[in-house]
Amino acid sequence: MDKKPKKQRALTLKQKRFCEEYLKDFNGQRAAERAGYEPKYARETASITLAKPQAKEYINRLLEEANLGPQEVIKMISDMARSSINDYFVIRKKEFTPRITKPVSLLIVELEEQIDFEEEYAIRAELEGKELKRHEMNLEDMRRQVIRYEIELRRNPSATKIVNGPTEMVEVPELDMVKLVKDKERGRIKTLTPSPHGTKVELYAADTALANLAKIHGLNAPEKVESNVTATVKHEITEKDVEVFTKIFASKYK
């Protein structure tokens, strides 16, 4: 007499929660812990649960609901393999005022020319009252600065000062926050966290997460993709990174 096939037991709510958590980062141990299983046995629990046909069916259903079929998986693998930290930087033009060294003798000449200009402006603009008083106070500050420079120049004929140079428009790299947020929503980015030191960005470890996703669909990731993916999958972008990029672009203006 043929035995009837054993009826599979439905997944418990906790097991379903594990499957849902597993799809967040494809790490069985962490998914089990987040689902509420004992951390000490999380790895074993994950292994047992993932081996259940019911769990595989439930995971496949979740993937289908998220429109992540086999073709989408292959595309995600290819996209992440080609991803780079540079993808999240955009080049914008901004005003840049370099610091330059000038002889004190030249600074005196420039200040005196500025004083002449401001005196003529006050006359032609017919300044009066409080406005004229403020203007005269500024002029007096400039005249005193000339005196300081003259004393310094007498003591050191080759004296120089570091001052602001001409303002220019330069190309500066910046984080494309719009693209970062969109990719976070699309699941391309694992974490996007503001911090006192800048924006911390961590990409998924595509060689692990997407390889697991491919296995779920019975796919084999192309060898070329697997060999390239580990070099580009995880980065943290902080203000220090932006500063380094900025220095590279701005160095020629110094």
C-alpha atoms as a PDB file:
ATOM      1  CA  MET A   1       0.000   0.000   0.000  1.00  0.00           C
ATOM      2  CA  ASP A   2       1.438   3.351  -1.069  1.00  0.00           C
ATOM      3  CA  LYS A   3       2.104   5.800   1.691  1.00  0.00           C
ATOM      4  CA  LYS A   4       0.490   9.178   1.365  1.00  0.00           C
ATOM      5  CA  PRO A   5       2.996  12.030   1.029  1.00  0.00           C
ATOM      6  CA  LYS A   6       3.557  13.734   4.318  1.00  0.00           C
ATOM      7  CA  LYS A   7       1.730  17.040   4.463  1.00  0.00           C
ATOM      8  CA  GLN A   8       4.047  19.967   4.917  1.00  0.00           C
ATOM      9  CA  ARG A   9       3.404  22.116   7.936  1.00  0.00           C
ATOM     10  CA  ALA A  10       2.770  25.779   7.266  1.00  0.00           C
ATOM     11  CA  LEU A  11       5.394  28.264   8.328  1.00  0.00           C
ATOM     12  CA  THR A  12       4.931  29.847  11.708  1.00  0.00           C
ATOM     13  CA  LEU A  13       4.691  33.623  12.012  1.00  0.00           C
ATOM     14  CA  LYS A  14       8.238  33.633  13.378  1.00  0.00           C
ATOM     15  CA  GLN A  15       9.537  31.646  10.417  1.00  0.00           C
ATOM     16  CA  LYS A  16       7.800  33.995   8.003  1.00  0.00           C
ATOM     17  CA  ARG A  17       9.374  36.916   9.820  1.00  0.00           C
ATOM     18  CA  PHE A  18      12.758  35.216   9.389  1.00  0.00           C
ATOM     19  CA  CYS A  19      12.204  34.915   5.617  1.00  0.00           C
ATOM     20  CA  GLU A  20      11.248  38.583   5.398  1.00  0.00           C
ATOM     21  CA  GLU A  21      14.300  39.620   7.391  1.00  0.00           C
ATOM     22  CA  TYR A  22      16.515  37.328   5.309  1.00  0.00           C
ATOM     23  CA  LEU A  23      15.665  39.241   2.139  1.00  0.00           C
ATOM     24  CA  LYS A  24      17.004  42.461   3.685  1.00  0.00           C
ATOM     25  CA  ASP A  25      20.661  41.403   3.620  1.00  0.00           C
ATOM     26  CA  PHE A  26      20.687  37.650   2.857  1.00  0.00           C
ATOM     27  CA  ASN A  27      22.498  36.938   6.102  1.00  0.00           C
ATOM     28  CA  GLY A  28      20.810  33.980   7.775  1.00  0.00           C
ATOM     29  CA  GLN A  29      22.276  34.471  11.239  1.00  0.00           C
ATOM     30  CA  ARG A  30      21.383  38.151  11.446  1.00  0.00           C
ATOM     31  CA  ALA A  31      17.929  37.481   9.988  1.00  0.00           C
ATOM     32  CA  ALA A  32      17.263  34.842  12.651  1.00  0.00           C
ATOM     33  CA  GLU A  33      18.341  37.206  15.406  1.00  0.00           C
ATOM     34  CA  ARG A  34      16.152  40.013  14.051  1.00  0.00           C
ATOM     35  CA  ALA A  35      13.240  37.586  13.821  1.00  0.00           C
ATOM     36  CA  GLY A  36      13.555  36.895  17.534  1.00  0.00           C
ATOM     37  CA  TYR A  37      15.435  33.605  17.643  1.00  0.00           C
ATOM     38  CA  GLU A  38      18.026  32.886  20.334  1.00  0.00           C
ATOM     39  CA  PRO A  39      21.322  34.440  19.107  1.00  0.00           C
ATOM     40  CA  LYS A  40      23.267  31.405  20.342  1.00  0.00           C
ATOM     41  CA  TYR A  41      21.420  29.161  17.876  1.00  0.00           C
ATOM     42  CA  ALA A  42      20.713  31.736  15.171  1.00  0.00           C
ATOM     43  CA  ARG A  43      23.092  30.267  12.581  1.00  0.00           C
ATOM     44  CA  GLU A  44      21.711  26.733  13.013  1.00  0.00           C
ATOM     45  CA  THR A  45      18.132  27.988  12.996  1.00  0.00           C
ATOM     46  CA  ALA A  46      18.745  29.886   9.750  1.00  0.00           C
ATOM     47  CA  SER A  47      20.237  26.823   8.072  1.00  0.00           C
ATOM     48  CA  ILE A  48      17.333  24.600   9.073  1.00  0.00           C
ATOM     49  CA  THR A  49      14.678  27.133   8.092  1.00  0.00           C
ATOM     50  CA  LEU A  50      16.195  27.897   4.695  1.00  0.00           C
ATOM     51  CA  ALA A  51      16.247  24.184   3.903  1.00  0.00           C
ATOM     52  CA  LYS A  52      12.470  23.959   4.321  1.00  0.00           C
ATOM     53  CA  PRO A  53      10.532  23.830   1.010  1.00  0.00           C
ATOM     54  CA  GLN A  54       7.847  26.032   2.605  1.00  0.00           C
ATOM     55  CA  ALA A  55      10.467  28.696   3.356  1.00  0.00           C
ATOM     56  CA  LYS A  56      11.805  28.595  -0.187  1.00  0.00           C
ATOM     57  CA  GLU A  57       8.296  28.943  -1.575  1.00  0.00           C
ATOM     58  CA  TYR A  58       7.549  31.854   0.730  1.00  0.00           C
ATOM     59  CA  ILE A  59      10.807  33.596  -0.178  1.00  0.00           C
ATOM     60  CA  ASN A  60      10.097  33.085  -3.884  1.00  0.00           C
ATOM     61  CA  ARG A  61       6.643  34.582  -3.425  1.00  0.00           C
ATOM     62  CA  LEU A  62       8.112  37.605  -1.673  1.00  0.00           C
ATOM     63  CA  LEU A  63      10.611  38.043  -4.501  1.00  0.00           C
ATOM     64  CA  GLU A  64       7.874  37.837  -7.114  1.00  0.00           C
ATOM     65  CA  GLU A  65       5.838  40.427  -5.245  1.00  0.00           C
ATOM     66  CA  ALA A  66       8.898  42.679  -5.289  1.00  0.00           C
ATOM     67  CA  ASN A  67       9.285  42.108  -9.054  1.00  0.00           C
ATOM     68  CA  LEU A  68      12.659  40.452  -8.597  1.00  0.00           C
ATOM     69  CA  GLY A  69      12.521  37.654 -11.132  1.00  0.00           C
ATOM     70  CA  PRO A  70      15.551  35.900 -12.665  1.00  0.00           C
ATOM     71  CA  GLN A  71      16.171  38.605 -15.270  1.00  0.00           C
ATOM     72  CA  GLU A  72      16.019  41.340 -12.639  1.00  0.00           C
ATOM     73  CA  VAL A  73      18.500  39.417 -10.486  1.00  0.00           C
ATOM     74  CA  ILE A  74      20.991  39.142 -13.352  1.00  0.00           C
ATOM     75  CA  LYS A  75      20.621  42.864 -14.065  1.00  0.00           C
ATOM     76  CA  MET A  76      21.189  43.739 -10.400  1.00  0.00           C
ATOM     77  CA  ILE A  77      24.321  41.577 -10.328  1.00  0.00           C
ATOM     78  CA  SER A  78      25.678  43.283 -13.442  1.00  0.00           C
ATOM     79  CA  ASP A  79      24.803  46.786 -12.184  1.00  0.00           C
ATOM     80  CA  MET A  80      26.440  46.248  -8.806  1.00  0.00           C
ATOM     81  CA  ALA A  81      29.510  44.667 -10.358  1.00  0.00           C
ATOM     82  CA  ARG A  82      30.018  47.840 -12.362  1.00  0.00           C
ATOM     83  CA  SER A  83      29.205  50.186  -9.479  1.00  0.00           C
ATOM     84  CA  SER A  84      31.858  52.523  -8.138  1.00  0.00           C
ATOM     85  CA  ILE A  85      32.157  55.068  -5.377  1.00  0.00           C
ATOM     86  CA  ASN A  86      32.520  57.664  -8.131  1.00  0.00           C
ATOM     87  CA  ASP A  87      28.942  56.968  -9.214  1.00  0.00           C
ATOM     88  CA  TYR A  88      27.736  59.010  -6.244  1.00  0.00           C
ATOM     89  CA  PHE A  89      29.798  62.113  -6.910  1.00  0.00           C
ATOM     90  CA  VAL A  90      28.721  64.918  -9.211  1.00  0.00           C
ATOM     91  CA  ILE A  91      30.863  67.790 -10.426  1.00  0.00           C
ATOM     92  CA  ARG A  92      29.421  71.234  -9.803  1.00  0.00           C
ATOM     93  CA  LYS A  93      30.813  74.700 -10.478  1.00  0.00           C
ATOM     94  CA  LYS A  94      31.276  76.834  -7.401  1.00  0.00           C
ATOM     95  CA  GLU A  95      32.991  80.041  -6.422  1.00  0.00           C
ATOM     96  CA  PHE A  96      36.492  79.439  -5.104  1.00  0.00           C
ATOM     97  CA  THR A  97      38.693  82.092  -3.493  1.00  0.00           C
ATOM     98  CA  PRO A  98      42.299  80.905  -3.190  1.00  0.00           C
ATOM     99  CA  ARG A  99      44.708  82.159  -0.550  1.00  0.00           C
ATOM    100  CA  ILE A 100      47.763  83.738  -2.152  1.00  0.00           C
ATOM    101  CA  THR A 101      50.963  85.472  -1.025  1.00  0.00           C
ATOM    102  CA  LYS A 102      51.361  89.182  -1.809  1.00  0.00           C
ATOM    103  CA  PRO A 103      54.156  91.672  -1.057  1.00  0.00           C
ATOM    104  CA  VAL A 104      53.169  94.226   1.582  1.00  0.00           C
ATOM    105  CA  SER A 105      54.285  96.985  -0.790  1.00  0.00           C
ATOM    106  CA  LEU A 106      51.628  95.875  -3.288  1.00  0.00           C
ATOM    107  CA  LEU A 107      48.990  95.685  -0.568  1.00  0.00           C
ATOM    108  CA  ILE A 108      49.703  99.331   0.339  1.00  0.00           C
ATOM    109  CA  VAL A 109      49.199 100.396  -3.273  1.00  0.00           C
ATOM    110  CA  GLU A 110      45.942  98.448  -3.533  1.00  0.00           C
ATOM    111  CA  LEU A 111      44.613  99.887  -0.264  1.00  0.00           C
ATOM    112  CA  GLU A 112      45.426 103.457  -1.297  1.00  0.00           C
ATOM    113  CA  GLU A 113      43.636 102.919  -4.617  1.00  0.00           C
ATOM    114  CA  GLN A 114      40.636 101.538  -2.740  1.00  0.00           C
ATOM    115  CA  ILE A 115      40.618 104.575  -0.418  1.00  0.00           C
ATOM    116  CA  ASP A 116      40.649 106.928  -3.428  1.00  0.00           C
ATOM    117  CA  PHE A 117      37.774 104.996  -4.993  1.00  0.00           C
ATOM    118  CA  GLU A 118      35.668 105.106  -1.801  1.00  0.00           C
ATOM    119  CA  GLU A 119      36.308 108.834  -1.310  1.00  0.00           C
ATOM    120  CA  GLU A 120      35.143 109.566  -4.856  1.00  0.00           C
ATOM    121  CA  TYR A 121      32.135 107.315  -4.383  1.00  0.00           C
ATOM    122  CA  ALA A 122      31.074 109.201  -1.215  1.00  0.00           C
ATOM    123  CA  ILE A 123      31.194 112.492  -3.079  1.00  0.00           C
ATOM    124  CA  ARG A 124      29.356 111.328  -6.211  1.00  0.00           C
ATOM    125  CA  ALA A 125      26.749 109.371  -4.241  1.00  0.00           C
ATOM    126  CA  GLU A 126      26.239 112.407  -1.994  1.00  0.00           C
ATOM    127  CA  LEU A 127      26.381 110.365   1.166  1.00  0.00           C
ATOM    128  CA  GLU A 128      25.255 112.106   4.296  1.00  0.00           C
ATOM    129  CA  GLY A 129      24.154 111.574   7.845  1.00  0.00           C
ATOM    130  CA  LYS A 130      24.650 108.124   9.406  1.00  0.00           C
ATOM    131  CA  GLU A 131      25.496 106.547   6.083  1.00  0.00           C
ATOM    132  CA  LEU A 132      28.339 109.017   5.525  1.00  0.00           C
ATOM    133  CA  LYS A 133      29.564 108.465   9.084  1.00  0.00           C
ATOM    134  CA  ARG A 134      29.727 104.684   8.609  1.00  0.00           C
ATOM    135  CA  HIS A 135      31.535 105.189   5.336  1.00  0.00           C
ATOM    136  CA  GLU A 136      34.112 107.470   6.933  1.00  0.00           C
ATOM    137  CA  MET A 137      34.700 104.950   9.724  1.00  0.00           C
ATOM    138  CA  ASN A 138      35.461 102.264   7.155  1.00  0.00           C
ATOM    139  CA  LEU A 139      37.831 104.607   5.352  1.00  0.00           C
ATOM    140  CA  GLU A 140      39.583 105.396   8.625  1.00  0.00           C
ATOM    141  CA  ASP A 141      40.119 101.668   9.248  1.00  0.00           C
ATOM    142  CA  MET A 142      41.679 101.350   5.807  1.00  0.00           C
ATOM    143  CA  ARG A 143      43.998 104.337   6.412  1.00  0.00           C
ATOM    144  CA  ARG A 144      45.165 102.804   9.689  1.00  0.00           C
ATOM    145  CA  GLN A 145      45.847  99.512   7.916  1.00  0.00           C
ATOM    146  CA  VAL A 146      48.048 101.412   5.445  1.00  0.00           C
ATOM    147  CA  ILE A 147      50.005 102.828   8.375  1.00  0.00           C
ATOM    148  CA  ARG A 148      50.479  99.314   9.809  1.00  0.00           C
ATOM    149  CA  TYR A 149      51.728  98.035   6.477  1.00  0.00           C
ATOM    150  CA  GLU A 150      54.116 100.972   6.074  1.00  0.00           C
ATOM    151  CA  ILE A 151      55.647 100.300   9.498  1.00  0.00           C
ATOM    152  CA  GLU A 152      55.971  96.599   8.699  1.00  0.00           C
ATOM    153  CA  LEU A 153      57.510  97.335   5.310  1.00  0.00           C
ATOM    154  CA  ARG A 154      60.056  99.735   6.849  1.00  0.00           C
ATOM    155  CA  ARG A 155      61.173  97.012   9.240  1.00  0.00           C
ATOM    156  CA  ASN A 156      61.147  94.292   6.571  1.00  0.00           C
ATOM    157  CA  PRO A 157      61.347  95.516   2.950  1.00  0.00           C
ATOM    158  CA  SER A 158      60.551  92.022   1.644  1.00  0.00           C
ATOM    159  CA  ALA A 159      57.531  91.438   3.905  1.00  0.00           C
ATOM    160  CA  THR A 160      54.602  89.494   2.474  1.00  0.00           C
ATOM    161  CA  LYS A 161      51.082  88.587   3.574  1.00  0.00           C
ATOM    162  CA  ILE A 162      48.763  85.692   2.780  1.00  0.00           C
ATOM    163  CA  VAL A 163      45.500  87.183   1.544  1.00  0.00           C
ATOM    164  CA  ASN A 164      42.485  86.256  -0.543  1.00  0.00           C
ATOM    165  CA  GLY A 165      43.168  86.057  -4.259  1.00  0.00           C
ATOM    166  CA  PRO A 166      40.745  86.587  -7.167  1.00  0.00           C
ATOM    167  CA  THR A 167      37.550  84.536  -6.884  1.00  0.00           C
ATOM    168  CA  GLU A 168      37.114  81.985  -9.667  1.00  0.00           C
ATOM    169  CA  MET A 169      34.544  79.404 -10.727  1.00  0.00           C
ATOM    170  CA  VAL A 170      35.978  75.909 -10.241  1.00  0.00           C
ATOM    171  CA  GLU A 171      34.710  72.346 -10.546  1.00  0.00           C
ATOM    172  CA  VAL A 172      34.093  70.739  -7.154  1.00  0.00           C
ATOM    173  CA  PRO A 173      32.962  67.141  -6.482  1.00  0.00           C
ATOM    174  CA  GLU A 174      29.904  66.740  -4.263  1.00  0.00           C
ATOM    175  CA  LEU A 175      27.854  63.800  -3.071  1.00  0.00           C
ATOM    176  CA  ASP A 176      24.710  63.332  -5.152  1.00  0.00           C
ATOM    177  CA  MET A 177      22.308  62.916  -2.240  1.00  0.00           C
ATOM    178  CA  VAL A 178      19.288  62.530  -4.543  1.00  0.00           C
ATOM    179  CA  LYS A 179      20.875  59.540  -6.283  1.00  0.00           C
ATOM    180  CA  LEU A 180      21.956  58.062  -2.944  1.00  0.00           C
ATOM    181  CA  VAL A 181      18.437  58.248  -1.529  1.00  0.00           C
ATOM    182  CA  LYS A 182      16.892  56.804  -4.695  1.00  0.00           C
ATOM    183  CA  ASP A 183      19.344  53.896  -4.739  1.00  0.00           C
ATOM    184  CA  LYS A 184      18.642  53.311  -1.048  1.00  0.00           C
ATOM    185  CA  GLU A 185      14.939  53.013  -1.872  1.00  0.00           C
ATOM    186  CA  ARG A 186      15.745  50.656  -4.759  1.00  0.00           C
ATOM    187  CA  GLY A 187      17.785  48.423  -2.452  1.00  0.00           C
ATOM    188  CA  ARG A 188      21.135  49.203  -4.070  1.00  0.00           C
ATOM    189  CA  ILE A 189      22.484  50.687  -0.832  1.00  0.00           C
ATOM    190  CA  LYS A 190      22.570  48.865   2.482  1.00  0.00           C
ATOM    191  CA  THR A 191      22.760  51.868   4.819  1.00  0.00           C
ATOM    192  CA  LEU A 192      22.659  55.633   4.401  1.00  0.00           C
ATOM    193  CA  THR A 193      23.368  57.322   7.714  1.00  0.00           C
ATOM    194  CA  PRO A 194      23.994  61.011   8.502  1.00  0.00           C
ATOM    195  CA  SER A 195      26.709  61.510  11.100  1.00  0.00           C
ATOM    196  CA  PRO A 196      28.648  64.400  12.663  1.00  0.00           C
ATOM    197  CA  HIS A 197      31.517  63.620  10.279  1.00  0.00           C
ATOM    198  CA  GLY A 198      29.486  63.377   7.092  1.00  0.00           C
ATOM    199  CA  THR A 199      27.232  60.925   5.291  1.00  0.00           C
ATOM    200  CA  LYS A 200      28.059  57.264   5.867  1.00  0.00           C
ATOM    201  CA  VAL A 201      27.196  55.062   2.886  1.00  0.00           C
ATOM    202  CA  GLU A 202      27.536  51.283   2.808  1.00  0.00           C
ATOM    203  CA  LEU A 203      26.780  49.292  -0.318  1.00  0.00           C
ATOM    204  CA  TYR A 204      25.617  45.705  -0.147  1.00  0.00           C
ATOM    205  CA  ALA A 205      28.233  42.995  -0.375  1.00  0.00           C
ATOM    206  CA  ALA A 206      26.970  41.982  -3.796  1.00  0.00           C
ATOM    207  CA  ASP A 207      29.176  38.911  -4.046  1.00  0.00           C
ATOM    208  CA  THR A 208      27.291  37.460  -1.070  1.00  0.00           C
ATOM    209  CA  ALA A 209      23.815  38.973  -1.146  1.00  0.00           C
ATOM    210  CA  LEU A 210      23.204  38.660  -4.877  1.00  0.00           C
ATOM    211  CA  ALA A 211      24.889  35.284  -5.128  1.00  0.00           C
ATOM    212  CA  ASN A 212      22.389  34.052  -2.535  1.00  0.00           C
ATOM    213  CA  LEU A 213      19.589  35.691  -4.459  1.00  0.00           C
ATOM    214  CA  ALA A 214      20.768  33.968  -7.631  1.00  0.00           C
ATOM    215  CA  LYS A 215      20.843  30.613  -5.863  1.00  0.00           C
ATOM    216  CA  ILE A 216      17.251  31.096  -4.762  1.00  0.00           C
ATOM    217  CA  HIS A 217      16.289  31.348  -8.435  1.00  0.00           C
ATOM    218  CA  GLY A 218      18.604  28.507  -9.432  1.00  0.00           C
ATOM    219  CA  LEU A 219      20.871  30.858 -11.336  1.00  0.00           C
ATOM    220  CA  ASN A 220      24.617  30.930 -11.735  1.00  0.00           C
ATOM    221  CA  ALA A 221      26.134  34.391 -11.783  1.00  0.00           C
ATOM    222  CA  PRO A 222      28.497  34.977 -14.748  1.00  0.00           C
ATOM    223  CA  GLU A 223      32.135  34.364 -13.818  1.00  0.00           C
ATOM    224  CA  LYS A 224      33.159  37.804 -14.968  1.00  0.00           C
ATOM    225  CA  VAL A 225      30.664  39.403 -12.603  1.00  0.00           C
ATOM    226  CA  GLU A 226      31.785  37.308  -9.649  1.00  0.00           C
ATOM    227  CA  SER A 227      35.441  38.153 -10.207  1.00  0.00           C
ATOM    228  CA  ASN A 228      34.798  41.897 -10.328  1.00  0.00           C
ATOM    229  CA  VAL A 229      32.156  42.448  -7.698  1.00  0.00           C
ATOM    230  CA  THR A 230      34.151  42.215  -4.465  1.00  0.00           C
ATOM    231  CA  ALA A 231      36.363  45.170  -5.292  1.00  0.00           C
ATOM    232  CA  THR A 232      33.474  47.625  -5.562  1.00  0.00           C
ATOM    233  CA  VAL A 233      30.719  46.647  -3.205  1.00  0.00           C
ATOM    234  CA  LYS A 234      31.408  48.358   0.104  1.00  0.00           C
ATOM    235  CA  HIS A 235      32.396  51.963   0.815  1.00  0.00           C
ATOM    236  CA  GLU A 236      31.898  54.577   3.464  1.00  0.00           C
ATOM    237  CA  ILE A 237      31.696  58.171   2.249  1.00  0.00           C
ATOM    238  CA  THR A 238      32.433  60.872   4.800  1.00  0.00           C
ATOM    239  CA  GLU A 239      33.247  64.549   4.633  1.00  0.00           C
ATOM    240  CA  LYS A 240      36.915  63.504   4.668  1.00  0.00           C
ATOM    241  CA  ASP A 241      36.417  61.759   1.320  1.00  0.00           C
ATOM    242  CA  VAL A 242      34.772  64.857  -0.121  1.00  0.00           C
ATOM    243  CA  GLU A 243      37.624  66.975   1.239  1.00  0.00           C
ATOM    244  CA  VAL A 244      40.212  64.785  -0.496  1.00  0.00           C
ATOM    245  CA  PHE A 245      38.352  64.971  -3.815  1.00  0.00           C
ATOM    246  CA  THR A 246      38.001  68.722  -3.423  1.00  0.00           C
ATOM    247  CA  LYS A 247      41.715  69.198  -2.765  1.00  0.00           C
ATOM    248  CA  ILE A 248      42.565  67.280  -5.912  1.00  0.00           C
ATOM    249  CA  PHE A 249      40.326  69.515  -8.033  1.00  0.00           C
ATOM    250  CA  ALA A 250      41.369  72.721  -6.305  1.00  0.00           C
ATOM    251  CA  SER A 251      45.122  72.091  -6.139  1.00  0.00           C
ATOM    252  CA  LYS A 252      45.818  73.738  -9.500  1.00  0.00           C
ATOM    253  CA  TYR A 253      44.251  76.998  -8.220  1.00  0.00           C
ATOM    254  CA  LYS A 254      46.631  77.367  -5.302  1.00  0.00           C
END
